[in-house]
Structures are given as structure tokens and as C-alpha cells.
Amino acid sequence: MTATTPPPQAEPEVRKAPPPPASGSRPGTARRSLLRALPVSPAVVLLLLFLAGPIVYCVIIAFTDLQLTGQAEESFVGFDNFTRAFGDEAFLNAVWLTLVFTVLSSLIGQNTLGLALASLMQRASKPVRTLTGGIVVTAWVLPEVVAGFLLYAFFRREGTLNAVLDWLHLPSQNWLFTLPILAVSFANVWRGTAFSMLVYSAALNEIPKEVTEAAEVDGASGWRRMWHVTLPMIRRSIGTNLMLNTLQTLSVFGLIWVMTRGGPSGKSQTLPLFMYEQAFQNSLIGYGTAVALLLLLIGSLFSVVYLRLLRTEV
């Protein structure tokens, strides 16, 4: 009897899984993306409505001859407003005074004094730190108009500064008339130094004590430790502080307006005051808006410089 061999079994057919659909064609992907964007949509709408909208409108009217009074309708004038600005001696004087005010009160005054106060407070006792910080921060939280009136009373002819100088038998003068840009620069330093002090205090607290102690053991003096150790380690904080202070200083209006109103004879008229005068006192809205765009350009140039400094590695 012969054995029969069973027939070979057929191999089961393996079905290949279909390739996954592309990410863009997955069902529900667009819906999920829409749901993720839904919580931030109110903020985006508000930014477009109250930030981007006015900026676009200002750019448009800067190229027109729009006026507040005496005009039926405005017309497009191209770059005439900008050409007029660069040919206006009052505008060039305002640009120069804005740069002087920014350098004196922000780059030199607030930045240097804030760093000095932060460094001294690192070594001071707790009562001294509390008292100094309270006094400096109080000047910062005062409204700009209130700070302007206080400094006006300090610098005016019959003010506190001249009273002290008379008591010391030193010559006094009308500071708001003879040196108005220095007076308003000092006022801005007095009011805004607290911000720099807080930034630098936080930065100095992040420096490891081992680093400064090692430099001190190596015989480095206080100034050498500050220049070669402390400043390089807080360079990013310095750049951030300079950028924020500069942008804030470029837009200072109320402090100068209360103290001098840009006078006498435009000796303290910075770009925000010049823009206000042209737009609302001379009713030249188009020209004043063009000046505002030039001020925005100056702030952008400062920001680019600071951002390049921040991008550089220590």
C-alpha cells in the first residue's frame, strides 16, 4: 500500500496595509488646528483692530496732506511730508535734542546709575537696601505728570535747587531757561532709574558667588572684577535694559511738556513734542504723522543695534 503525500498548502495571502494618508489630508486635522487656534483668536483680533489697524492708517495718512481744520478733503502728496521734514530746521533740531536726551538720560544716566545702585545694594545691609529700593521705586511709580511737576518745582527760579545753592553761597540760575535739555534729562534719570536697578539686581543675583570669590582670591580689585567678570556675565541683561530704556525714553512726552513745553525757543523740544505741535497745534495731521513714522524708524534702528548685541555670544 503506497503512502499518499498531502498536497502542498497554499501560503496565506498577506495583505499590505494601505499607506497612511498625508498629514494634510487626515480627516479632522484642519478641525483640530482650528480648535487649537480658537483660544488665541480674540487676542489676534484685538491686536489687528487696535494695534495693526492704527499703524496702517497712520502710514496711509503720512502720505497725505490731511489737516484738522480748513480742508474739505485730503489728497495724496507722496513723500512731500518727509521731504519737508528734512528741510525743516525745527525738525532737525528736534532730532538732535532727542538723541541728546536719549543718550544723557537713558544710555548714560539710567543705565549707569541703575548698575551702580544695584552693585552697591548687593553689599549693603538689609535696612539700607530696603530704604534705597523704596525711595528709587517710589520715583518710578509716580505718574509722569506728577513727576514733571515735582521736578519743575525743583528746577524753577524760586525752586529747591536754587534755594540750596543760595544757602551754600553758590551762583544760582533759571535752569529751565538756561539748560532746559539737561534739566529734563536729569528728571528722566530721577524717574526711570528704578527699572535699570531692578534689572541689574536680578542679573547680579544670578552670578555664581564662586566666580567673584575666585577673582577676589586672584587679587583682582573691585573695578577689575566689575570690568572683566561682572559686566561680561550680565551683557545680555545690559543689552535688554538698554533697548527697553531707549524705546521708553524716545517716547517721553508728559515729563518734558509739564516742565518746559519744549521751550524756551525749542531748546528742549524733542520729537514727540514736535510731532504734537505740528499735528494738534498747527493742525497738520499728515505732517505730524510723517514725523511720528520717522521717530518709529529711529527707535527701530536702536532696536536693531541692541538685538545684534544680544545675538552675540559671551
C-alpha atoms as a PDB file:
ATOM      1  CA  MET A   1       0.000   0.000   0.000  1.00  0.00           C
ATOM      2  CA  THR A   2       1.600   3.225  -1.116  1.00  0.00           C
ATOM      3  CA  ALA A   3       1.561   6.375   1.079  1.00  0.00           C
ATOM      4  CA  THR A   4      -0.025   9.374  -0.437  1.00  0.00           C
ATOM      5  CA  THR A   5       1.646  12.730   0.039  1.00  0.00           C
ATOM      6  CA  PRO A   6      -0.642  15.514   1.046  1.00  0.00           C
ATOM      7  CA  PRO A   7      -0.974  18.352  -1.443  1.00  0.00           C
ATOM      8  CA  PRO A   8       1.122  21.435  -0.645  1.00  0.00           C
ATOM      9  CA  GLN A   9      -0.735  24.028   1.332  1.00  0.00           C
ATOM     10  CA  ALA A  10      -1.054  27.426  -0.238  1.00  0.00           C
ATOM     11  CA  GLU A  11       0.680  30.249   1.622  1.00  0.00           C
ATOM     12  CA  PRO A  12      -1.763  32.672   3.208  1.00  0.00           C
ATOM     13  CA  GLU A  13      -2.071  35.896   1.290  1.00  0.00           C
ATOM     14  CA  VAL A  14      -0.531  38.792   3.165  1.00  0.00           C
ATOM     15  CA  ARG A  15      -2.424  41.983   2.707  1.00  0.00           C
ATOM     16  CA  LYS A  16      -0.378  45.133   2.648  1.00  0.00           C
ATOM     17  CA  ALA A  17      -1.631  47.931   4.818  1.00  0.00           C
ATOM     18  CA  PRO A  18      -2.639  50.966   2.845  1.00  0.00           C
ATOM     19  CA  PRO A  19      -0.165  53.860   3.129  1.00  0.00           C
ATOM     20  CA  PRO A  20      -1.116  56.414   5.730  1.00  0.00           C
ATOM     21  CA  PRO A  21      -2.728  59.484   4.306  1.00  0.00           C
ATOM     22  CA  ALA A  22      -0.704  62.637   4.104  1.00  0.00           C
ATOM     23  CA  SER A  23      -0.807  64.839   7.155  1.00  0.00           C
ATOM     24  CA  GLY A  24      -2.717  67.497   5.312  1.00  0.00           C
ATOM     25  CA  SER A  25      -5.369  65.010   4.187  1.00  0.00           C
ATOM     26  CA  ARG A  26      -6.015  63.350   7.528  1.00  0.00           C
ATOM     27  CA  PRO A  27      -9.629  63.699   8.464  1.00  0.00           C
ATOM     28  CA  GLY A  28     -10.121  66.152  11.248  1.00  0.00           C
ATOM     29  CA  THR A  29      -6.651  67.748  11.017  1.00  0.00           C
ATOM     30  CA  ALA A  30      -7.986  71.075   9.832  1.00  0.00           C
ATOM     31  CA  ARG A  31     -10.629  70.976  12.516  1.00  0.00           C
ATOM     32  CA  ARG A  32      -8.053  70.268  15.233  1.00  0.00           C
ATOM     33  CA  SER A  33      -5.855  73.114  14.008  1.00  0.00           C
ATOM     34  CA  LEU A  34      -8.853  75.401  14.064  1.00  0.00           C
ATOM     35  CA  LEU A  35      -9.698  74.358  17.617  1.00  0.00           C
ATOM     36  CA  ARG A  36      -6.113  74.979  18.744  1.00  0.00           C
ATOM     37  CA  ALA A  37      -6.168  78.470  17.251  1.00  0.00           C
ATOM     38  CA  LEU A  38      -9.575  79.299  18.707  1.00  0.00           C
ATOM     39  CA  PRO A  39      -8.377  80.350  22.211  1.00  0.00           C
ATOM     40  CA  VAL A  40      -5.923  82.928  20.818  1.00  0.00           C
ATOM     41  CA  SER A  41      -8.237  84.299  18.161  1.00  0.00           C
ATOM     42  CA  PRO A  42      -9.723  87.049  20.413  1.00  0.00           C
ATOM     43  CA  ALA A  43      -6.200  88.336  21.152  1.00  0.00           C
ATOM     44  CA  VAL A  44      -5.309  88.265  17.449  1.00  0.00           C
ATOM     45  CA  VAL A  45      -8.477  90.188  16.581  1.00  0.00           C
ATOM     46  CA  LEU A  46      -7.744  92.801  19.244  1.00  0.00           C
ATOM     47  CA  LEU A  47      -4.151  93.204  18.038  1.00  0.00           C
ATOM     48  CA  LEU A  48      -5.282  93.636  14.449  1.00  0.00           C
ATOM     49  CA  LEU A  49      -8.001  96.071  15.470  1.00  0.00           C
ATOM     50  CA  PHE A  50      -6.196  98.277  17.976  1.00  0.00           C
ATOM     51  CA  LEU A  51      -2.519  97.873  17.011  1.00  0.00           C
ATOM     52  CA  ALA A  52      -2.077  96.917  13.365  1.00  0.00           C
ATOM     53  CA  GLY A  53      -5.107  98.929  12.247  1.00  0.00           C
ATOM     54  CA  PRO A  54      -3.947 102.319  13.618  1.00  0.00           C
ATOM     55  CA  ILE A  55      -0.405 101.709  12.355  1.00  0.00           C
ATOM     56  CA  VAL A  56      -1.617 101.017   8.830  1.00  0.00           C
ATOM     57  CA  TYR A  57      -3.902 104.065   8.982  1.00  0.00           C
ATOM     58  CA  CYS A  58      -1.006 106.257  10.181  1.00  0.00           C
ATOM     59  CA  VAL A  59       1.185 105.022   7.336  1.00  0.00           C
ATOM     60  CA  ILE A  60      -1.548 105.939   4.872  1.00  0.00           C
ATOM     61  CA  ILE A  61      -2.218 109.470   6.150  1.00  0.00           C
ATOM     62  CA  ALA A  62       1.529 110.185   6.415  1.00  0.00           C
ATOM     63  CA  PHE A  63       1.493 110.362   2.615  1.00  0.00           C
ATOM     64  CA  THR A  64      -1.419 112.820   2.529  1.00  0.00           C
ATOM     65  CA  ASP A  65      -1.935 116.495   3.388  1.00  0.00           C
ATOM     66  CA  LEU A  66      -4.649 115.755   5.961  1.00  0.00           C
ATOM     67  CA  GLN A  67      -5.435 118.693   8.250  1.00  0.00           C
ATOM     68  CA  LEU A  68      -7.718 119.141  11.225  1.00  0.00           C
ATOM     69  CA  THR A  69      -9.275 122.380  10.041  1.00  0.00           C
ATOM     70  CA  GLY A  70      -9.698 124.374   6.848  1.00  0.00           C
ATOM     71  CA  GLN A  71      -9.768 121.413   4.467  1.00  0.00           C
ATOM     72  CA  ALA A  72     -12.631 119.728   2.661  1.00  0.00           C
ATOM     73  CA  GLU A  73     -10.778 116.526   1.825  1.00  0.00           C
ATOM     74  CA  GLU A  74      -7.207 115.318   1.872  1.00  0.00           C
ATOM     75  CA  SER A  75      -5.113 114.430  -1.154  1.00  0.00           C
ATOM     76  CA  PHE A  76      -2.142 112.138  -1.735  1.00  0.00           C
ATOM     77  CA  VAL A  77       1.171 114.031  -1.662  1.00  0.00           C
ATOM     78  CA  GLY A  78       3.683 111.175  -1.771  1.00  0.00           C
ATOM     79  CA  PHE A  79       6.933 111.839   0.078  1.00  0.00           C
ATOM     80  CA  ASP A  80       6.349 115.604   0.370  1.00  0.00           C
ATOM     81  CA  ASN A  81       5.852 115.412   4.148  1.00  0.00           C
ATOM     82  CA  PHE A  82       9.141 113.567   4.616  1.00  0.00           C
ATOM     83  CA  THR A  83      10.987 115.930   2.282  1.00  0.00           C
ATOM     84  CA  ARG A  84       9.542 118.860   4.190  1.00  0.00           C
ATOM     85  CA  ALA A  85      10.703 117.360   7.485  1.00  0.00           C
ATOM     86  CA  PHE A  86      14.335 117.010   6.425  1.00  0.00           C
ATOM     87  CA  GLY A  87      14.283 120.573   5.153  1.00  0.00           C
ATOM     88  CA  ASP A  88      12.780 121.924   8.380  1.00  0.00           C
ATOM     89  CA  GLU A  89      15.352 123.302  10.833  1.00  0.00           C
ATOM     90  CA  ALA A  90      12.928 122.815  13.711  1.00  0.00           C
ATOM     91  CA  PHE A  91      12.642 119.115  12.864  1.00  0.00           C
ATOM     92  CA  LEU A  92      16.423 118.674  12.634  1.00  0.00           C
ATOM     93  CA  ASN A  93      16.780 120.479  15.968  1.00  0.00           C
ATOM     94  CA  ALA A  94      14.181 118.125  17.486  1.00  0.00           C
ATOM     95  CA  VAL A  95      16.080 115.087  16.154  1.00  0.00           C
ATOM     96  CA  TRP A  96      19.327 116.359  17.688  1.00  0.00           C
ATOM     97  CA  LEU A  97      17.698 117.115  21.046  1.00  0.00           C
ATOM     98  CA  THR A  98      16.004 113.697  21.042  1.00  0.00           C
ATOM     99  CA  LEU A  99      19.367 111.995  20.593  1.00  0.00           C
ATOM    100  CA  VAL A 100      20.948 114.156  23.315  1.00  0.00           C
ATOM    101  CA  PHE A 101      18.041 113.482  25.674  1.00  0.00           C
ATOM    102  CA  THR A 102      18.209 109.726  24.983  1.00  0.00           C
ATOM    103  CA  VAL A 103      21.970 109.443  25.403  1.00  0.00           C
ATOM    104  CA  LEU A 104      22.119 111.561  28.572  1.00  0.00           C
ATOM    105  CA  SER A 105      19.088 110.208  30.376  1.00  0.00           C
ATOM    106  CA  SER A 106      18.939 106.592  29.151  1.00  0.00           C
ATOM    107  CA  LEU A 107      22.274 105.306  27.856  1.00  0.00           C
ATOM    108  CA  ILE A 108      24.376 107.164  30.421  1.00  0.00           C
ATOM    109  CA  GLY A 109      22.114 108.242  33.267  1.00  0.00           C
ATOM    110  CA  GLN A 110      19.605 105.474  33.957  1.00  0.00           C
ATOM    111  CA  ASN A 111      21.865 102.648  32.812  1.00  0.00           C
ATOM    112  CA  THR A 112      24.965 103.705  34.741  1.00  0.00           C
ATOM    113  CA  LEU A 113      23.167 104.835  37.885  1.00  0.00           C
ATOM    114  CA  GLY A 114      20.966 101.724  37.909  1.00  0.00           C
ATOM    115  CA  LEU A 115      24.013  99.452  37.663  1.00  0.00           C
ATOM    116  CA  ALA A 116      25.823 101.411  40.392  1.00  0.00           C
ATOM    117  CA  LEU A 117      22.839 101.220  42.750  1.00  0.00           C
ATOM    118  CA  ALA A 118      22.365  97.504  42.093  1.00  0.00           C
ATOM    119  CA  SER A 119      26.051  96.819  42.786  1.00  0.00           C
ATOM    120  CA  LEU A 120      26.074  98.855  45.983  1.00  0.00           C
ATOM    121  CA  MET A 121      22.880  97.251  47.226  1.00  0.00           C
ATOM    122  CA  GLN A 122      24.484  93.808  46.820  1.00  0.00           C
ATOM    123  CA  ARG A 123      26.939  94.739  49.592  1.00  0.00           C
ATOM    124  CA  ALA A 124      24.633  96.877  51.748  1.00  0.00           C
ATOM    125  CA  SER A 125      22.730  95.739  54.800  1.00  0.00           C
ATOM    126  CA  LYS A 126      19.075  94.802  54.560  1.00  0.00           C
ATOM    127  CA  PRO A 127      17.707  98.074  56.090  1.00  0.00           C
ATOM    128  CA  VAL A 128      19.792 100.129  53.643  1.00  0.00           C
ATOM    129  CA  ARG A 129      18.621  98.008  50.702  1.00  0.00           C
ATOM    130  CA  THR A 130      15.004  98.367  51.756  1.00  0.00           C
ATOM    131  CA  LEU A 131      15.218 102.134  52.224  1.00  0.00           C
ATOM    132  CA  THR A 132      17.143 102.767  48.989  1.00  0.00           C
ATOM    133  CA  GLY A 133      14.937 100.491  46.939  1.00  0.00           C
ATOM    134  CA  GLY A 134      11.780 102.077  48.357  1.00  0.00           C
ATOM    135  CA  ILE A 135      12.929 105.616  47.531  1.00  0.00           C
ATOM    136  CA  VAL A 136      14.041 104.770  43.983  1.00  0.00           C
ATOM    137  CA  VAL A 137      10.957 102.691  43.158  1.00  0.00           C
ATOM    138  CA  THR A 138       8.653 105.412  44.526  1.00  0.00           C
ATOM    139  CA  ALA A 139      10.030 107.843  41.944  1.00  0.00           C
ATOM    140  CA  TRP A 140       9.406 105.231  39.248  1.00  0.00           C
ATOM    141  CA  VAL A 141       5.768 104.505  40.117  1.00  0.00           C
ATOM    142  CA  LEU A 142       4.787 108.178  40.223  1.00  0.00           C
ATOM    143  CA  PRO A 143       2.670 109.266  37.266  1.00  0.00           C
ATOM    144  CA  GLU A 144       4.662 111.106  34.634  1.00  0.00           C
ATOM    145  CA  VAL A 145       2.727 114.324  35.107  1.00  0.00           C
ATOM    146  CA  VAL A 146       3.224 114.280  38.893  1.00  0.00           C
ATOM    147  CA  ALA A 147       6.958 113.653  38.445  1.00  0.00           C
ATOM    148  CA  GLY A 148       7.074 116.542  35.978  1.00  0.00           C
ATOM    149  CA  PHE A 149       5.505 118.968  38.468  1.00  0.00           C
ATOM    150  CA  LEU A 150       7.893 117.830  41.225  1.00  0.00           C
ATOM    151  CA  LEU A 151      10.953 118.370  39.046  1.00  0.00           C
ATOM    152  CA  TYR A 152       9.550 121.683  37.794  1.00  0.00           C
ATOM    153  CA  ALA A 153       9.338 122.839  41.405  1.00  0.00           C
ATOM    154  CA  PHE A 154      12.911 121.625  41.930  1.00  0.00           C
ATOM    155  CA  PHE A 155      14.474 123.413  38.923  1.00  0.00           C
ATOM    156  CA  ARG A 156      12.405 126.620  38.650  1.00  0.00           C
ATOM    157  CA  ARG A 157      13.916 130.003  39.505  1.00  0.00           C
ATOM    158  CA  GLU A 158      12.442 130.009  43.022  1.00  0.00           C
ATOM    159  CA  GLY A 159      12.783 126.241  43.361  1.00  0.00           C
ATOM    160  CA  THR A 160      14.544 123.897  45.738  1.00  0.00           C
ATOM    161  CA  LEU A 161      17.813 123.637  43.801  1.00  0.00           C
ATOM    162  CA  ASN A 162      18.420 127.389  43.762  1.00  0.00           C
ATOM    163  CA  ALA A 163      17.471 127.621  47.441  1.00  0.00           C
ATOM    164  CA  VAL A 164      20.159 125.065  48.271  1.00  0.00           C
ATOM    165  CA  LEU A 165      22.706 126.849  46.078  1.00  0.00           C
ATOM    166  CA  ASP A 166      21.914 130.195  47.741  1.00  0.00           C
ATOM    167  CA  TRP A 167      22.342 128.601  51.166  1.00  0.00           C
ATOM    168  CA  LEU A 168      25.764 127.306  50.061  1.00  0.00           C
ATOM    169  CA  HIS A 169      26.606 130.766  48.643  1.00  0.00           C
ATOM    170  CA  LEU A 170      26.922 129.328  45.142  1.00  0.00           C
ATOM    171  CA  PRO A 171      25.614 131.044  41.984  1.00  0.00           C
ATOM    172  CA  SER A 172      22.071 130.110  41.012  1.00  0.00           C
ATOM    173  CA  GLN A 173      20.247 130.420  37.704  1.00  0.00           C
ATOM    174  CA  ASN A 174      16.993 129.664  35.959  1.00  0.00           C
ATOM    175  CA  TRP A 175      17.793 126.093  34.987  1.00  0.00           C
ATOM    176  CA  LEU A 176      14.645 125.612  32.903  1.00  0.00           C
ATOM    177  CA  PHE A 177      15.660 128.601  30.775  1.00  0.00           C
ATOM    178  CA  THR A 178      19.448 128.284  30.518  1.00  0.00           C
ATOM    179  CA  LEU A 179      19.878 124.473  30.457  1.00  0.00           C
ATOM    180  CA  PRO A 180      16.425 123.010  29.748  1.00  0.00           C
ATOM    181  CA  ILE A 181      17.564 119.827  27.986  1.00  0.00           C
ATOM    182  CA  LEU A 182      19.867 118.967  30.901  1.00  0.00           C
ATOM    183  CA  ALA A 183      17.074 119.646  33.384  1.00  0.00           C
ATOM    184  CA  VAL A 184      14.596 117.335  31.638  1.00  0.00           C
ATOM    185  CA  SER A 185      17.327 114.699  31.181  1.00  0.00           C
ATOM    186  CA  PHE A 186      18.029 114.753  34.915  1.00  0.00           C
ATOM    187  CA  ALA A 187      14.291 114.494  35.584  1.00  0.00           C
ATOM    188  CA  ASN A 188      14.028 111.414  33.372  1.00  0.00           C
ATOM    189  CA  VAL A 189      17.025 109.840  35.143  1.00  0.00           C
ATOM    190  CA  TRP A 190      15.427 110.518  38.521  1.00  0.00           C
ATOM    191  CA  ARG A 191      12.177 108.955  37.450  1.00  0.00           C
ATOM    192  CA  GLY A 192      13.369 105.949  35.416  1.00  0.00           C
ATOM    193  CA  THR A 193      16.492 104.649  37.192  1.00  0.00           C
ATOM    194  CA  ALA A 194      14.456 102.167  39.252  1.00  0.00           C
ATOM    195  CA  PHE A 195      13.801  99.970  36.215  1.00  0.00           C
ATOM    196  CA  SER A 196      17.521  99.616  35.464  1.00  0.00           C
ATOM    197  CA  MET A 197      18.251  98.985  39.127  1.00  0.00           C
ATOM    198  CA  LEU A 198      15.733  96.127  39.277  1.00  0.00           C
ATOM    199  CA  VAL A 199      17.028  94.562  36.042  1.00  0.00           C
ATOM    200  CA  TYR A 200      20.641  94.680  37.176  1.00  0.00           C
ATOM    201  CA  SER A 201      19.806  93.470  40.686  1.00  0.00           C
ATOM    202  CA  ALA A 202      18.211  90.349  39.212  1.00  0.00           C
ATOM    203  CA  ALA A 203      21.173  89.852  36.857  1.00  0.00           C
ATOM    204  CA  LEU A 204      23.776  90.242  39.613  1.00  0.00           C
ATOM    205  CA  ASN A 205      21.961  87.744  41.809  1.00  0.00           C
ATOM    206  CA  GLU A 206      22.372  85.128  39.057  1.00  0.00           C
ATOM    207  CA  ILE A 207      26.186  85.395  39.044  1.00  0.00           C
ATOM    208  CA  PRO A 208      27.697  82.436  40.963  1.00  0.00           C
ATOM    209  CA  LYS A 209      29.488  83.586  44.079  1.00  0.00           C
ATOM    210  CA  GLU A 210      32.310  81.162  43.327  1.00  0.00           C
ATOM    211  CA  VAL A 211      33.274  83.191  40.259  1.00  0.00           C
ATOM    212  CA  THR A 212      33.606  86.507  42.069  1.00  0.00           C
ATOM    213  CA  GLU A 213      35.311  84.868  45.042  1.00  0.00           C
ATOM    214  CA  ALA A 214      37.860  83.229  42.745  1.00  0.00           C
ATOM    215  CA  ALA A 215      38.595  86.581  41.089  1.00  0.00           C
ATOM    216  CA  GLU A 216      38.986  88.168  44.513  1.00  0.00           C
ATOM    217  CA  VAL A 217      41.398  85.426  45.630  1.00  0.00           C
ATOM    218  CA  ASP A 218      43.430  86.011  42.463  1.00  0.00           C
ATOM    219  CA  GLY A 219      43.947  89.605  43.587  1.00  0.00           C
ATOM    220  CA  ALA A 220      41.565  91.391  41.217  1.00  0.00           C
ATOM    221  CA  SER A 221      40.411  94.753  42.522  1.00  0.00           C
ATOM    222  CA  GLY A 222      36.764  95.780  42.671  1.00  0.00           C
ATOM    223  CA  TRP A 223      36.951  97.699  39.398  1.00  0.00           C
ATOM    224  CA  ARG A 224      38.769  94.860  37.597  1.00  0.00           C
ATOM    225  CA  ARG A 225      36.210  92.344  38.864  1.00  0.00           C
ATOM    226  CA  MET A 226      33.425  94.576  37.607  1.00  0.00           C
ATOM    227  CA  TRP A 227      35.021  95.098  34.174  1.00  0.00           C
ATOM    228  CA  HIS A 228      36.380  91.606  33.469  1.00  0.00           C
ATOM    229  CA  VAL A 229      33.947  89.366  35.370  1.00  0.00           C
ATOM    230  CA  THR A 230      30.630  91.025  36.187  1.00  0.00           C
ATOM    231  CA  LEU A 231      29.936  93.020  33.019  1.00  0.00           C
ATOM    232  CA  PRO A 232      30.687  90.155  30.570  1.00  0.00           C
ATOM    233  CA  MET A 233      28.418  87.818  32.541  1.00  0.00           C
ATOM    234  CA  ILE A 234      25.466  90.231  32.541  1.00  0.00           C
ATOM    235  CA  ARG A 235      25.989  91.535  28.999  1.00  0.00           C
ATOM    236  CA  ARG A 236      22.649  90.197  27.788  1.00  0.00           C
ATOM    237  CA  SER A 237      20.850  91.948  30.651  1.00  0.00           C
ATOM    238  CA  ILE A 238      22.678  95.161  29.746  1.00  0.00           C
ATOM    239  CA  GLY A 239      21.538  94.898  26.130  1.00  0.00           C
ATOM    240  CA  THR A 240      17.936  94.181  27.121  1.00  0.00           C
ATOM    241  CA  ASN A 241      17.888  97.050  29.604  1.00  0.00           C
ATOM    242  CA  LEU A 242      19.387  99.484  27.083  1.00  0.00           C
ATOM    243  CA  MET A 243      16.847  98.534  24.421  1.00  0.00           C
ATOM    244  CA  LEU A 244      13.817  98.896  26.701  1.00  0.00           C
ATOM    245  CA  ASN A 245      15.090 102.127  28.264  1.00  0.00           C
ATOM    246  CA  THR A 246      15.902 103.655  24.892  1.00  0.00           C
ATOM    247  CA  LEU A 247      12.483 102.902  23.416  1.00  0.00           C
ATOM    248  CA  GLN A 248      10.777 104.290  26.520  1.00  0.00           C
ATOM    249  CA  THR A 249      12.920 107.437  26.509  1.00  0.00           C
ATOM    250  CA  LEU A 250      12.265 108.140  22.841  1.00  0.00           C
ATOM    251  CA  SER A 251       8.540 108.358  23.589  1.00  0.00           C
ATOM    252  CA  VAL A 252       8.731 110.587  26.709  1.00  0.00           C
ATOM    253  CA  PHE A 253       6.203 113.391  26.312  1.00  0.00           C
ATOM    254  CA  GLY A 254       4.380 114.307  29.527  1.00  0.00           C
ATOM    255  CA  LEU A 255       7.508 114.877  31.621  1.00  0.00           C
ATOM    256  CA  ILE A 256       9.009 117.406  29.193  1.00  0.00           C
ATOM    257  CA  TRP A 257       5.659 119.006  28.421  1.00  0.00           C
ATOM    258  CA  VAL A 258       4.946 119.723  32.077  1.00  0.00           C
ATOM    259  CA  MET A 259       8.442 121.072  32.787  1.00  0.00           C
ATOM    260  CA  THR A 260       9.238 123.195  29.716  1.00  0.00           C
ATOM    261  CA  ARG A 261       6.657 122.548  26.950  1.00  0.00           C
ATOM    262  CA  GLY A 262       9.651 122.224  24.636  1.00  0.00           C
ATOM    263  CA  GLY A 263      10.901 125.734  25.328  1.00  0.00           C
ATOM    264  CA  PRO A 264      12.391 128.143  25.549  1.00  0.00           C
ATOM    265  CA  SER A 265      12.598 128.638  21.763  1.00  0.00           C
ATOM    266  CA  GLY A 266      12.624 124.903  21.126  1.00  0.00           C
ATOM    267  CA  LYS A 267      15.701 124.215  23.294  1.00  0.00           C
ATOM    268  CA  SER A 268      14.039 121.161  24.853  1.00  0.00           C
ATOM    269  CA  GLN A 269      11.630 120.212  22.058  1.00  0.00           C
ATOM    270  CA  THR A 270      12.157 116.531  21.331  1.00  0.00           C
ATOM    271  CA  LEU A 271      10.448 114.673  18.504  1.00  0.00           C
ATOM    272  CA  PRO A 272       7.285 113.688  20.463  1.00  0.00           C
ATOM    273  CA  LEU A 273       6.691 117.356  21.341  1.00  0.00           C
ATOM    274  CA  PHE A 274       7.456 118.500  17.791  1.00  0.00           C
ATOM    275  CA  MET A 275       5.043 115.893  16.438  1.00  0.00           C
ATOM    276  CA  TYR A 276       2.322 117.046  18.857  1.00  0.00           C
ATOM    277  CA  GLU A 277       2.865 120.686  17.894  1.00  0.00           C
ATOM    278  CA  GLN A 278       2.595 120.029  14.162  1.00  0.00           C
ATOM    279  CA  ALA A 279      -0.366 117.651  14.371  1.00  0.00           C
ATOM    280  CA  PHE A 280      -2.584 119.261  17.028  1.00  0.00           C
ATOM    281  CA  GLN A 281      -1.449 122.872  17.396  1.00  0.00           C
ATOM    282  CA  ASN A 282      -0.733 123.583  13.735  1.00  0.00           C
ATOM    283  CA  SER A 283      -3.469 121.110  12.628  1.00  0.00           C
ATOM    284  CA  LEU A 284      -1.080 119.372  10.175  1.00  0.00           C
ATOM    285  CA  ILE A 285      -2.087 115.775  10.809  1.00  0.00           C
ATOM    286  CA  GLY A 286      -0.341 114.382   7.733  1.00  0.00           C
ATOM    287  CA  TYR A 287       2.945 116.121   8.509  1.00  0.00           C
ATOM    288  CA  GLY A 288       2.805 115.209  12.189  1.00  0.00           C
ATOM    289  CA  THR A 289       2.158 111.563  11.346  1.00  0.00           C
ATOM    290  CA  ALA A 290       5.143 111.537   8.994  1.00  0.00           C
ATOM    291  CA  VAL A 291       7.277 112.800  11.888  1.00  0.00           C
ATOM    292  CA  ALA A 292       5.868 110.005  14.060  1.00  0.00           C
ATOM    293  CA  LEU A 293       6.927 107.428  11.457  1.00  0.00           C
ATOM    294  CA  LEU A 294      10.440 108.894  11.409  1.00  0.00           C
ATOM    295  CA  LEU A 295      10.526 108.606  15.204  1.00  0.00           C
ATOM    296  CA  LEU A 296       9.450 104.971  14.835  1.00  0.00           C
ATOM    297  CA  LEU A 297      12.298 104.480  12.366  1.00  0.00           C
ATOM    298  CA  ILE A 298      14.830 105.889  14.851  1.00  0.00           C
ATOM    299  CA  GLY A 299      13.563 103.506  17.530  1.00  0.00           C
ATOM    300  CA  SER A 300      13.816 100.608  15.076  1.00  0.00           C
ATOM    301  CA  LEU A 301      17.456 101.473  14.308  1.00  0.00           C
ATOM    302  CA  PHE A 302      18.294 101.438  18.025  1.00  0.00           C
ATOM    303  CA  SER A 303      16.482  98.096  18.389  1.00  0.00           C
ATOM    304  CA  VAL A 304      18.434  96.530  15.523  1.00  0.00           C
ATOM    305  CA  VAL A 305      21.736  97.540  17.128  1.00  0.00           C
ATOM    306  CA  TYR A 306      20.737  96.133  20.511  1.00  0.00           C
ATOM    307  CA  LEU A 307      19.393  92.904  19.019  1.00  0.00           C
ATOM    308  CA  ARG A 308      22.705  92.344  17.241  1.00  0.00           C
ATOM    309  CA  LEU A 309      24.480  92.819  20.548  1.00  0.00           C
ATOM    310  CA  LEU A 310      22.139  90.352  22.230  1.00  0.00           C
ATOM    311  CA  ARG A 311      22.739  87.802  19.468  1.00  0.00           C
ATOM    312  CA  THR A 312      26.491  87.855  20.065  1.00  0.00           C
ATOM    313  CA  GLU A 313      27.663  85.093  22.351  1.00  0.00           C
ATOM    314  CA  VAL A 314      29.503  85.995  25.513  1.00  0.00           C
END
